Amino acid sequence: MTIKVYSSPTCTWCAKLKDYLTKKGVEFEAIDVSKDRAVIKALVEKTGQMGVPVTEIDGEYIIGFDKAKLDAKLGLK
């Protein structure tokens, strides 16, 4: 399973999301969208969203810090 978390350093919800996944023992790649405009553009094209956090799990996107969707997709309790 490939997990990517798109975030920015000033985003409170991004920090909460990454902290949540870390505490649950979920390994993920953190991608700072503030460092690469091409990443932002691609993310907007794929999701239609301009905000972060966005979590990509095996090509499926979860917008925001949605614990219920994350738990369901990752099989967490």
N, C-alpha and C. Protein backbone atom coordinates (compact mmCIF):
# COMPACT_ATOMS: atom_id res chain seq x y z
N MET A 1 0.84 -1.17 0.00
CA MET A 1 0.00 0.00 0.00
C MET A 1 0.89 1.24 0.00
N THR A 2 0.61 2.16 -0.89
CA THR A 2 1.35 3.41 -0.99
C THR A 2 0.50 4.54 -0.45
N ILE A 3 1.05 5.28 0.52
CA ILE A 3 0.32 6.37 1.15
C ILE A 3 1.15 7.65 1.05
N LYS A 4 0.52 8.69 0.51
CA LYS A 4 1.17 10.00 0.42
C LYS A 4 0.28 11.02 1.09
N VAL A 5 0.88 11.89 1.89
CA VAL A 5 0.15 12.98 2.52
C VAL A 5 0.68 14.29 1.97
N TYR A 6 -0.19 15.00 1.26
CA TYR A 6 0.16 16.30 0.70
C TYR A 6 -0.22 17.35 1.74
N SER A 7 0.75 18.18 2.09
CA SER A 7 0.52 19.14 3.17
C SER A 7 1.39 20.38 2.98
N SER A 8 1.20 21.34 3.89
CA SER A 8 2.07 22.52 3.91
C SER A 8 2.48 22.75 5.36
N PRO A 9 3.60 23.42 5.57
CA PRO A 9 4.12 23.60 6.92
C PRO A 9 3.25 24.46 7.83
N THR A 10 2.40 25.30 7.27
CA THR A 10 1.58 26.19 8.09
C THR A 10 0.17 25.64 8.33
N CYS A 11 -0.12 24.47 7.86
CA CYS A 11 -1.46 23.88 7.94
C CYS A 11 -1.62 23.06 9.23
N THR A 12 -2.49 23.54 10.11
CA THR A 12 -2.74 22.87 11.38
C THR A 12 -3.33 21.48 11.18
N TRP A 13 -4.30 21.36 10.26
CA TRP A 13 -4.94 20.06 10.02
C TRP A 13 -3.97 19.07 9.40
N CYS A 14 -3.01 19.57 8.63
CA CYS A 14 -1.98 18.70 8.04
C CYS A 14 -1.15 18.07 9.16
N ALA A 15 -0.75 18.89 10.11
CA ALA A 15 0.05 18.39 11.24
C ALA A 15 -0.75 17.36 12.04
N LYS A 16 -2.03 17.63 12.27
CA LYS A 16 -2.88 16.69 13.02
C LYS A 16 -3.02 15.37 12.27
N LEU A 17 -3.19 15.44 10.97
CA LEU A 17 -3.32 14.23 10.15
C LEU A 17 -2.06 13.39 10.22
N LYS A 18 -0.91 14.02 10.02
CA LYS A 18 0.35 13.28 10.05
C LYS A 18 0.62 12.70 11.43
N ASP A 19 0.28 13.44 12.47
CA ASP A 19 0.43 12.95 13.84
C ASP A 19 -0.47 11.73 14.07
N TYR A 20 -1.70 11.81 13.60
CA TYR A 20 -2.65 10.71 13.74
C TYR A 20 -2.12 9.44 13.07
N LEU A 21 -1.68 9.57 11.83
CA LEU A 21 -1.17 8.40 11.11
C LEU A 21 0.07 7.83 11.79
N THR A 22 0.95 8.70 12.26
CA THR A 22 2.15 8.26 12.95
C THR A 22 1.80 7.49 14.22
N LYS A 23 0.86 8.01 15.00
CA LYS A 23 0.45 7.34 16.23
C LYS A 23 -0.21 5.99 15.95
N LYS A 24 -0.85 5.85 14.79
CA LYS A 24 -1.48 4.59 14.40
C LYS A 24 -0.49 3.62 13.77
N GLY A 25 0.76 4.06 13.61
CA GLY A 25 1.79 3.19 13.04
C GLY A 25 1.73 3.07 11.53
N VAL A 26 1.11 4.04 10.88
CA VAL A 26 0.97 4.03 9.42
C VAL A 26 2.16 4.75 8.79
N GLU A 27 2.86 4.06 7.91
CA GLU A 27 3.98 4.68 7.20
C GLU A 27 3.44 5.44 5.99
N PHE A 28 3.96 6.64 5.78
CA PHE A 28 3.49 7.46 4.66
C PHE A 28 4.62 8.35 4.19
N GLU A 29 4.47 8.83 2.96
CA GLU A 29 5.40 9.80 2.40
C GLU A 29 4.76 11.18 2.55
N ALA A 30 5.44 12.08 3.22
CA ALA A 30 4.94 13.44 3.39
C ALA A 30 5.46 14.31 2.25
N ILE A 31 4.56 14.97 1.57
CA ILE A 31 4.91 15.83 0.44
C ILE A 31 4.50 17.26 0.76
N ASP A 32 5.48 18.14 0.83
CA ASP A 32 5.25 19.55 1.14
C ASP A 32 4.92 20.28 -0.16
N VAL A 33 3.65 20.62 -0.34
CA VAL A 33 3.22 21.25 -1.59
C VAL A 33 3.75 22.67 -1.75
N SER A 34 4.20 23.28 -0.67
CA SER A 34 4.71 24.65 -0.76
C SER A 34 6.07 24.72 -1.44
N LYS A 35 6.70 23.58 -1.64
CA LYS A 35 8.04 23.56 -2.24
C LYS A 35 8.04 23.29 -3.74
N ASP A 36 6.88 22.94 -4.32
CA ASP A 36 6.87 22.57 -5.73
C ASP A 36 5.52 22.91 -6.37
N ARG A 37 5.52 23.92 -7.22
CA ARG A 37 4.28 24.34 -7.88
C ARG A 37 3.71 23.24 -8.77
N ALA A 38 4.55 22.42 -9.37
CA ALA A 38 4.07 21.35 -10.24
C ALA A 38 3.25 20.33 -9.45
N VAL A 39 3.65 20.08 -8.22
CA VAL A 39 2.90 19.15 -7.36
C VAL A 39 1.52 19.72 -7.06
N ILE A 40 1.48 21.01 -6.75
CA ILE A 40 0.19 21.67 -6.46
C ILE A 40 -0.72 21.58 -7.69
N LYS A 41 -0.19 21.90 -8.84
CA LYS A 41 -0.98 21.89 -10.07
C LYS A 41 -1.53 20.49 -10.35
N ALA A 42 -0.69 19.48 -10.23
CA ALA A 42 -1.12 18.10 -10.48
C ALA A 42 -2.18 17.67 -9.47
N LEU A 43 -2.01 18.06 -8.23
CA LEU A 43 -2.96 17.70 -7.18
C LEU A 43 -4.33 18.34 -7.45
N VAL A 44 -4.35 19.61 -7.84
CA VAL A 44 -5.60 20.30 -8.16
C VAL A 44 -6.28 19.63 -9.35
N GLU A 45 -5.50 19.25 -10.36
CA GLU A 45 -6.07 18.59 -11.54
C GLU A 45 -6.69 17.24 -11.18
N LYS A 46 -6.05 16.51 -10.28
CA LYS A 46 -6.54 15.17 -9.91
C LYS A 46 -7.72 15.21 -8.95
N THR A 47 -7.75 16.21 -8.06
CA THR A 47 -8.77 16.21 -7.00
C THR A 47 -9.80 17.33 -7.13
N GLY A 48 -9.47 18.38 -7.87
CA GLY A 48 -10.35 19.53 -7.94
C GLY A 48 -10.30 20.39 -6.68
N GLN A 49 -9.37 20.08 -5.80
CA GLN A 49 -9.24 20.79 -4.52
C GLN A 49 -7.97 21.63 -4.51
N MET A 50 -8.05 22.79 -3.88
CA MET A 50 -6.87 23.64 -3.78
C MET A 50 -6.29 23.64 -2.37
N GLY A 51 -6.96 22.98 -1.45
CA GLY A 51 -6.49 22.97 -0.06
C GLY A 51 -5.81 21.67 0.32
N VAL A 52 -5.14 21.71 1.45
CA VAL A 52 -4.52 20.54 2.03
C VAL A 52 -5.03 20.40 3.46
N PRO A 53 -4.96 19.26 4.06
CA PRO A 53 -4.27 18.06 3.61
C PRO A 53 -5.09 17.24 2.62
N VAL A 54 -4.36 16.50 1.81
CA VAL A 54 -4.93 15.50 0.92
C VAL A 54 -4.10 14.24 1.12
N THR A 55 -4.79 13.12 1.33
CA THR A 55 -4.10 11.85 1.49
C THR A 55 -4.39 11.00 0.26
N GLU A 56 -3.34 10.47 -0.34
CA GLU A 56 -3.47 9.57 -1.48
C GLU A 56 -3.12 8.16 -1.02
N ILE A 57 -4.06 7.25 -1.17
CA ILE A 57 -3.84 5.86 -0.79
C ILE A 57 -4.08 5.01 -2.02
N ASP A 58 -3.01 4.46 -2.56
CA ASP A 58 -3.09 3.63 -3.77
C ASP A 58 -3.92 4.29 -4.87
N GLY A 59 -3.69 5.59 -5.10
CA GLY A 59 -4.35 6.30 -6.18
C GLY A 59 -5.72 6.87 -5.85
N GLU A 60 -6.23 6.61 -4.65
CA GLU A 60 -7.50 7.18 -4.21
C GLU A 60 -7.22 8.34 -3.27
N TYR A 61 -7.98 9.42 -3.43
CA TYR A 61 -7.72 10.63 -2.65
C TYR A 61 -8.77 10.83 -1.55
N ILE A 62 -8.27 11.20 -0.37
CA ILE A 62 -9.14 11.57 0.74
C ILE A 62 -8.82 13.03 1.06
N ILE A 63 -9.84 13.86 0.95
CA ILE A 63 -9.67 15.30 1.14
C ILE A 63 -9.86 15.66 2.61
N GLY A 64 -8.94 16.45 3.15
CA GLY A 64 -9.04 16.88 4.53
C GLY A 64 -8.63 15.78 5.51
N PHE A 65 -8.82 16.05 6.77
CA PHE A 65 -8.51 15.09 7.84
C PHE A 65 -9.81 14.39 8.20
N ASP A 66 -10.15 13.37 7.43
CA ASP A 66 -11.39 12.62 7.59
C ASP A 66 -11.06 11.27 8.23
N LYS A 67 -11.12 11.23 9.56
CA LYS A 67 -10.74 10.01 10.28
C LYS A 67 -11.54 8.80 9.83
N ALA A 68 -12.83 8.96 9.64
CA ALA A 68 -13.68 7.83 9.27
C ALA A 68 -13.23 7.22 7.94
N LYS A 69 -12.98 8.06 6.94
CA LYS A 69 -12.54 7.56 5.64
C LYS A 69 -11.14 6.95 5.73
N LEU A 70 -10.25 7.61 6.47
CA LEU A 70 -8.90 7.08 6.63
C LEU A 70 -8.93 5.72 7.32
N ASP A 71 -9.67 5.64 8.42
CA ASP A 71 -9.76 4.38 9.17
C ASP A 71 -10.32 3.26 8.31
N ALA A 72 -11.37 3.57 7.54
CA ALA A 72 -12.00 2.57 6.68
C ALA A 72 -11.02 2.09 5.60
N LYS A 73 -10.37 3.01 4.96
CA LYS A 73 -9.45 2.66 3.86
C LYS A 73 -8.23 1.90 4.37
N LEU A 74 -7.74 2.29 5.56
CA LEU A 74 -6.53 1.67 6.10
C LEU A 74 -6.80 0.51 7.06
N GLY A 75 -8.07 0.25 7.33
CA GLY A 75 -8.43 -0.84 8.24
C GLY A 75 -8.05 -0.54 9.68
N LEU A 76 -8.16 0.73 10.08
CA LEU A 76 -7.81 1.14 11.44
C LEU A 76 -9.04 1.17 12.33
N LYS A 77 -8.81 1.14 13.63
CA LYS A 77 -9.91 1.26 14.59
C LYS A 77 -9.72 2.49 15.44
